[in-house]
Amino acid sequence: MRINMRRHTADGWHIEIIQSKKWDANDDQSKHTPVSAAVFKKIMADFTRYGENCPQILSINSFDLDFHYQCEIEIQLPGGVVMEVASQTSFGTPPVPETLAEASDEAAELVSDLVGYYAGFGFEKLTDKFDDARSGLNKLFEQWSNDGDAQIHLVDLRIRTDPHWQYTFDIPVQITINCLGEALFPADMHIDAWDPEGAVAELMEFHAEIKTRTQAKTRLETQGADGFIDLIAMNSLLLVGSIKARPEDYLPKLREPELHPDFEVKYGRFYLDATDVDDARITWQYDSVQLSDLEILT
């Protein structure tokens, strides 16, 4: 199950509960949902045209959104490249209501078109492109490690596509790396590129950001900080009443009761995003204060 929380100015928080279930290639066929079973049957029927060395379905994650069906299909192409296909695009207008048959037909057709394009491009040629991209990324990460800028590990490199890319000649890829997150703890990070050749260039865009995180982590470690606080110590501080233990006690309250300050940890520091209770024209965001329609008299 996946839960989406969408904020509406009039209605407050709207919670949308999405039922989802993932079928894996190691699972029995009885584990299929009606959505994944229909999609699996139609895709595999189409894959017979590729003979014995045909693409393989690794998993199907299906969602029941009440008014329409949606799924994410993970496929391994001949040569080893993994392609993840979302049956609905995040671009354009929301999908219209549809039946199970319509949804499975659309998903199977989308996969057929995309796999057909890559077959025409050449599965071996595609594999070579991904091998080159993977090699270039690992060399880049080795260089950053030797320079002391960052410790990064390549977790995954795959095609990630949806109907938006169906009639283009691009090969959209998703690069998954493990590096320091904004809270300065190791975390997986997803980066999108237009094609395998652009993977290294996309990572270069994040060089300064990741280097800053590494420097912040080093600075905190030299001061003996590890980013953790013992739960007993935290409760003790609360009992003592130290304002440092409860930021909400001394940070400004907000004018609108349905709005709440957003707290964020970035580079090992605690930040606030809030509006002054006495004057909504004054807002705090990270390490800056924004004054709107106000004059500062000197």
Protein backbone atom coordinates (compact mmCIF):
# COMPACT_ATOMS: atom_id res chain seq x y z
CA MET A 1 0.00 0.00 0.00
CA ARG A 2 1.22 3.49 -0.84
CA ILE A 3 -0.13 6.65 0.83
CA ASN A 4 -0.09 10.02 -0.92
CA MET A 5 -0.71 13.20 1.10
CA ARG A 6 -1.83 16.12 -1.01
CA ARG A 7 -2.26 19.59 0.44
CA HIS A 8 -5.22 21.74 -0.56
CA THR A 9 -5.57 25.32 0.66
CA ALA A 10 -9.30 25.00 1.29
CA ASP A 11 -9.60 21.44 2.57
CA GLY A 12 -6.30 21.04 4.41
CA TRP A 13 -4.54 17.70 4.00
CA HIS A 14 -6.15 15.20 1.66
CA ILE A 15 -4.99 11.62 2.14
CA GLU A 16 -5.13 9.29 -0.85
CA ILE A 17 -4.59 5.61 -0.09
CA ILE A 18 -3.33 3.64 -3.08
CA GLN A 19 -3.52 -0.15 -2.98
CA SER A 20 -0.49 -1.67 -4.66
CA LYS A 21 0.96 -5.13 -5.00
CA LYS A 22 4.18 -6.28 -6.61
CA TRP A 23 4.53 -9.54 -8.49
CA ASP A 24 8.11 -10.79 -8.81
CA ALA A 25 9.50 -13.27 -11.33
CA ASN A 26 10.34 -15.61 -8.45
CA ASP A 27 6.70 -15.62 -7.36
CA ASP A 28 4.11 -18.17 -8.36
CA GLN A 29 1.60 -17.13 -11.01
CA SER A 30 -1.12 -17.25 -8.36
CA LYS A 31 0.47 -14.18 -6.75
CA HIS A 32 -0.64 -12.01 -9.66
CA THR A 33 -3.27 -9.32 -9.24
CA PRO A 34 -5.90 -9.04 -11.98
CA VAL A 35 -3.92 -6.10 -13.38
CA SER A 36 -0.50 -7.75 -13.37
CA ALA A 37 -1.92 -11.07 -14.67
CA ALA A 38 -3.53 -9.39 -17.68
CA VAL A 39 -0.45 -7.30 -18.43
CA PHE A 40 1.91 -10.28 -18.01
CA LYS A 41 -0.11 -12.47 -20.40
CA LYS A 42 -0.26 -9.85 -23.15
CA ILE A 43 3.40 -8.81 -22.90
CA MET A 44 4.73 -12.38 -22.90
CA ALA A 45 2.57 -13.18 -25.95
CA ASP A 46 4.23 -10.27 -27.76
CA PHE A 47 7.74 -11.33 -26.65
CA THR A 48 7.45 -14.66 -28.48
CA ARG A 49 8.45 -12.84 -31.69
CA TYR A 50 11.99 -12.49 -30.29
CA GLY A 51 12.51 -16.24 -30.03
CA GLU A 52 14.42 -17.98 -27.27
CA ASN A 53 16.55 -14.93 -26.43
CA CYS A 54 13.53 -12.78 -25.65
CA PRO A 55 13.18 -10.07 -22.98
CA GLN A 56 12.15 -11.26 -19.53
CA ILE A 57 9.65 -9.70 -17.14
CA LEU A 58 11.33 -9.25 -13.74
CA SER A 59 8.42 -7.72 -11.85
CA ILE A 60 5.08 -5.94 -12.20
CA ASN A 61 3.95 -3.47 -9.55
CA SER A 62 0.24 -2.81 -9.97
CA PHE A 63 -1.85 -0.01 -8.47
CA ASP A 64 -5.60 0.18 -8.08
CA LEU A 65 -6.46 3.88 -8.11
CA ASP A 66 -10.24 3.33 -8.06
CA PHE A 67 -10.84 5.34 -11.23
CA HIS A 68 -8.14 3.72 -13.35
CA TYR A 69 -5.42 1.06 -13.30
CA GLN A 70 -1.70 1.67 -13.33
CA CYS A 71 1.39 -0.52 -13.25
CA GLU A 72 5.17 -0.39 -13.37
CA ILE A 73 6.82 -3.17 -15.37
CA GLU A 74 10.46 -4.13 -14.88
CA ILE A 75 12.00 -5.93 -17.86
CA GLN A 76 15.46 -7.31 -18.58
CA LEU A 77 16.38 -6.90 -22.23
CA PRO A 78 18.68 -9.33 -24.06
CA GLY A 79 22.20 -8.30 -23.08
CA GLY A 80 21.28 -7.48 -19.48
CA VAL A 81 20.00 -3.89 -19.61
CA VAL A 82 17.04 -3.41 -17.26
CA MET A 83 14.11 -1.27 -18.39
CA GLU A 84 11.43 0.04 -16.03
CA VAL A 85 8.20 1.15 -17.70
CA ALA A 86 5.43 3.14 -16.00
CA SER A 87 2.09 2.70 -17.74
CA GLN A 88 1.07 6.28 -16.95
CA THR A 89 3.11 9.43 -17.49
CA SER A 90 3.61 12.21 -14.95
CA PHE A 91 3.34 14.74 -17.79
CA GLY A 92 0.14 16.19 -19.20
CA THR A 93 -3.42 15.69 -18.00
CA PRO A 94 -4.50 12.96 -15.56
CA PRO A 95 -5.61 9.66 -17.13
CA VAL A 96 -9.27 9.12 -17.90
CA PRO A 97 -11.24 6.30 -16.25
CA GLU A 98 -10.69 2.97 -18.00
CA THR A 99 -11.48 -0.71 -17.73
CA LEU A 100 -9.00 -3.44 -16.82
CA ALA A 101 -8.93 -4.63 -20.44
CA GLU A 102 -8.19 -1.12 -21.73
CA ALA A 103 -5.48 -0.55 -19.14
CA SER A 104 -3.72 -3.86 -19.82
CA ASP A 105 -3.94 -3.33 -23.60
CA GLU A 106 -2.36 0.14 -23.26
CA ALA A 107 0.41 -1.11 -20.98
CA ALA A 108 1.22 -4.08 -23.23
CA GLU A 109 1.23 -1.86 -26.33
CA LEU A 110 3.54 0.62 -24.63
CA VAL A 111 6.02 -2.11 -23.66
CA SER A 112 5.81 -3.65 -27.14
CA ASP A 113 6.60 -0.31 -28.81
CA LEU A 114 9.51 0.46 -26.50
CA VAL A 115 11.09 -2.99 -26.69
CA GLY A 116 10.60 -2.94 -30.45
CA TYR A 117 12.46 0.36 -30.68
CA TYR A 118 15.40 -0.95 -28.65
CA ALA A 119 15.44 -4.15 -30.71
CA GLY A 120 15.71 -2.02 -33.84
CA PHE A 121 18.43 0.05 -32.18
CA GLY A 122 20.23 -3.19 -31.35
CA PHE A 123 20.27 -4.91 -27.95
CA GLU A 124 24.06 -5.45 -28.16
CA LYS A 125 24.63 -1.81 -29.07
CA LEU A 126 22.42 -0.76 -26.16
CA THR A 127 24.36 -3.00 -23.77
CA ASP A 128 27.64 -1.46 -24.96
CA LYS A 129 26.26 2.03 -24.28
CA PHE A 130 25.33 1.09 -20.73
CA ASP A 131 28.69 -0.62 -20.14
CA ASP A 132 30.45 2.56 -21.28
CA ALA A 133 28.23 4.73 -19.06
CA ARG A 134 28.82 2.47 -16.07
CA SER A 135 32.58 2.54 -16.64
CA GLY A 136 32.57 6.34 -16.97
CA LEU A 137 30.61 6.76 -13.75
CA ASN A 138 32.87 4.44 -11.77
CA LYS A 139 35.95 6.30 -13.02
CA LEU A 140 34.36 9.60 -11.98
CA PHE A 141 33.55 8.28 -8.51
CA GLU A 142 37.08 6.94 -8.13
CA GLN A 143 38.47 10.37 -9.02
CA TRP A 144 36.20 12.11 -6.49
CA SER A 145 37.22 9.58 -3.84
CA ASN A 146 40.94 10.10 -4.53
CA ASP A 147 40.42 13.88 -4.35
CA GLY A 148 38.64 13.53 -1.01
CA ASP A 149 35.48 15.07 -2.43
CA ALA A 150 33.03 12.22 -1.91
CA GLN A 151 32.52 8.50 -1.43
CA ILE A 152 29.92 7.38 -3.96
CA HIS A 153 28.83 3.93 -5.04
CA LEU A 154 26.87 3.14 -8.19
CA VAL A 155 23.82 1.12 -7.13
CA ASP A 156 21.90 0.84 -10.37
CA LEU A 157 21.76 2.10 -13.95
CA ARG A 158 18.65 1.41 -16.00
CA ILE A 159 16.22 2.69 -18.59
CA ARG A 160 13.27 4.33 -16.86
CA THR A 161 10.50 5.34 -19.20
CA ASP A 162 6.78 6.01 -19.60
CA PRO A 163 4.31 7.03 -22.37
CA HIS A 164 5.94 10.48 -22.58
CA TRP A 165 8.96 8.82 -24.23
CA GLN A 166 7.02 6.38 -26.42
CA TYR A 167 7.55 8.19 -29.71
CA THR A 168 10.94 9.77 -29.07
CA PHE A 169 14.42 8.59 -29.98
CA ASP A 170 15.84 9.20 -26.50
CA ILE A 171 16.97 6.48 -24.12
CA PRO A 172 16.01 7.95 -20.72
CA VAL A 173 18.09 6.50 -17.92
CA GLN A 174 17.92 6.57 -14.14
CA ILE A 175 21.17 6.50 -12.19
CA THR A 176 20.94 5.32 -8.59
CA ILE A 177 23.91 6.14 -6.37
CA ASN A 178 24.61 5.78 -2.67
CA CYS A 179 26.13 8.91 -1.17
CA LEU A 180 25.71 11.32 1.73
CA GLY A 181 22.16 12.64 1.87
CA GLU A 182 21.13 16.09 3.06
CA ALA A 183 21.08 14.80 6.65
CA LEU A 184 24.71 13.64 6.11
CA PHE A 185 23.89 9.94 6.37
CA PRO A 186 24.37 7.48 3.49
CA ALA A 187 21.27 7.33 1.32
CA ASP A 188 20.27 6.26 -2.18
CA MET A 189 19.82 9.10 -4.65
CA HIS A 190 18.11 8.89 -8.06
CA ILE A 191 19.31 11.05 -10.95
CA ASP A 192 17.74 11.11 -14.41
CA ALA A 193 19.57 11.62 -17.71
CA TRP A 194 18.35 11.91 -21.29
CA ASP A 195 20.53 9.01 -22.44
CA PRO A 196 23.43 6.81 -21.26
CA GLU A 197 26.02 9.17 -22.76
CA GLY A 198 24.70 11.99 -20.57
CA ALA A 199 25.01 10.07 -17.30
CA VAL A 200 28.46 11.42 -16.37
CA ALA A 201 27.46 14.98 -17.28
CA GLU A 202 24.37 14.75 -15.06
CA LEU A 203 26.46 13.55 -12.12
CA MET A 204 28.91 16.42 -12.62
CA GLU A 205 26.00 18.80 -11.90
CA PHE A 206 25.88 17.38 -8.37
CA HIS A 207 29.62 17.53 -7.72
CA ALA A 208 29.56 20.78 -5.75
CA GLU A 209 26.54 19.67 -3.69
CA ILE A 210 28.00 16.29 -2.78
CA LYS A 211 31.40 17.83 -2.02
CA THR A 212 29.73 20.33 0.33
CA ARG A 213 28.03 17.49 2.18
CA THR A 214 31.34 15.63 2.52
CA GLN A 215 33.03 18.74 3.92
CA ALA A 216 30.15 19.33 6.35
CA LYS A 217 30.35 15.72 7.54
CA THR A 218 34.11 16.02 8.05
CA ARG A 219 33.69 19.29 9.97
CA LEU A 220 31.17 17.74 12.34
CA GLU A 221 33.29 14.62 12.86
CA THR A 222 36.32 16.73 13.84
CA GLN A 223 34.13 18.23 16.59
CA GLY A 224 33.09 14.81 17.82
CA ALA A 225 29.54 15.08 16.44
CA ASP A 226 27.95 11.97 14.98
CA GLY A 227 24.43 13.24 14.26
CA PHE A 228 22.73 11.11 16.91
CA ILE A 229 21.14 11.93 20.26
CA ASP A 230 20.34 9.30 22.84
CA LEU A 231 16.61 8.94 23.49
CA ILE A 232 17.19 9.04 27.26
CA ALA A 233 19.22 12.22 26.88
CA MET A 234 16.49 13.79 24.76
CA ASN A 235 13.78 12.95 27.30
CA SER A 236 15.95 14.28 30.10
CA LEU A 237 16.35 17.58 28.27
CA LEU A 238 12.58 17.76 27.82
CA LEU A 239 12.03 17.21 31.54
CA VAL A 240 14.57 19.88 32.42
CA GLY A 241 12.79 22.25 30.05
CA SER A 242 15.76 23.30 27.97
CA ILE A 243 14.52 25.33 25.02
CA LYS A 244 17.26 23.80 22.91
CA ALA A 245 15.51 20.45 23.25
CA ARG A 246 12.21 21.75 21.89
CA PRO A 247 12.68 24.15 18.94
CA GLU A 248 8.91 24.59 18.63
CA ASP A 249 8.91 26.28 22.07
CA TYR A 250 10.96 29.24 20.97
CA LEU A 251 10.59 29.37 17.21
CA PRO A 252 7.84 31.71 15.95
CA LYS A 253 4.29 30.39 15.87
CA LEU A 254 2.40 30.71 12.64
CA ARG A 255 -0.55 32.93 11.85
CA GLU A 256 -2.63 30.20 10.20
CA PRO A 257 -3.45 27.31 12.57
CA GLU A 258 -3.65 24.75 9.74
CA LEU A 259 -0.09 25.58 8.62
CA HIS A 260 2.92 24.24 10.46
CA PRO A 261 6.61 25.11 10.33
CA ASP A 262 8.72 22.77 8.25
CA PHE A 263 11.87 21.58 9.98
CA GLU A 264 14.75 20.20 7.95
CA VAL A 265 18.23 18.88 8.63
CA LYS A 266 20.71 19.90 5.95
CA TYR A 267 24.48 19.58 6.11
CA GLY A 268 24.08 18.47 9.71
CA ARG A 269 22.27 21.67 10.72
CA PHE A 270 18.70 22.21 11.87
CA TYR A 271 16.72 24.57 9.64
CA LEU A 272 13.30 26.18 9.75
CA ASP A 273 10.86 27.26 7.07
CA ALA A 274 8.17 29.38 8.73
CA THR A 275 6.22 32.65 8.79
CA ASP A 276 6.17 35.18 11.63
CA VAL A 277 2.94 35.08 13.67
CA ASP A 278 2.75 38.87 14.00
CA ASP A 279 3.60 39.77 10.43
CA ALA A 280 3.11 37.33 7.55
CA ARG A 281 5.44 39.44 5.42
CA ILE A 282 8.38 38.07 7.42
CA THR A 283 9.46 34.52 6.64
CA TRP A 284 12.38 32.34 7.62
CA GLN A 285 13.92 29.87 5.20
CA TYR A 286 17.11 28.02 6.08
CA ASP A 287 19.70 30.63 7.07
CA SER A 288 17.92 33.68 5.66
CA VAL A 289 15.03 35.97 6.53
CA GLN A 290 12.83 37.31 3.74
CA LEU A 291 11.06 40.64 4.15
CA SER A 292 8.23 41.35 1.71
CA ASP A 293 6.83 44.87 1.19
CA LEU A 294 8.78 46.21 4.15
CA GLU A 295 11.33 49.00 4.51
CA ILE A 296 14.38 48.83 6.72
CA LEU A 297 15.03 52.24 8.28
CA THR A 298 18.64 53.04 9.14
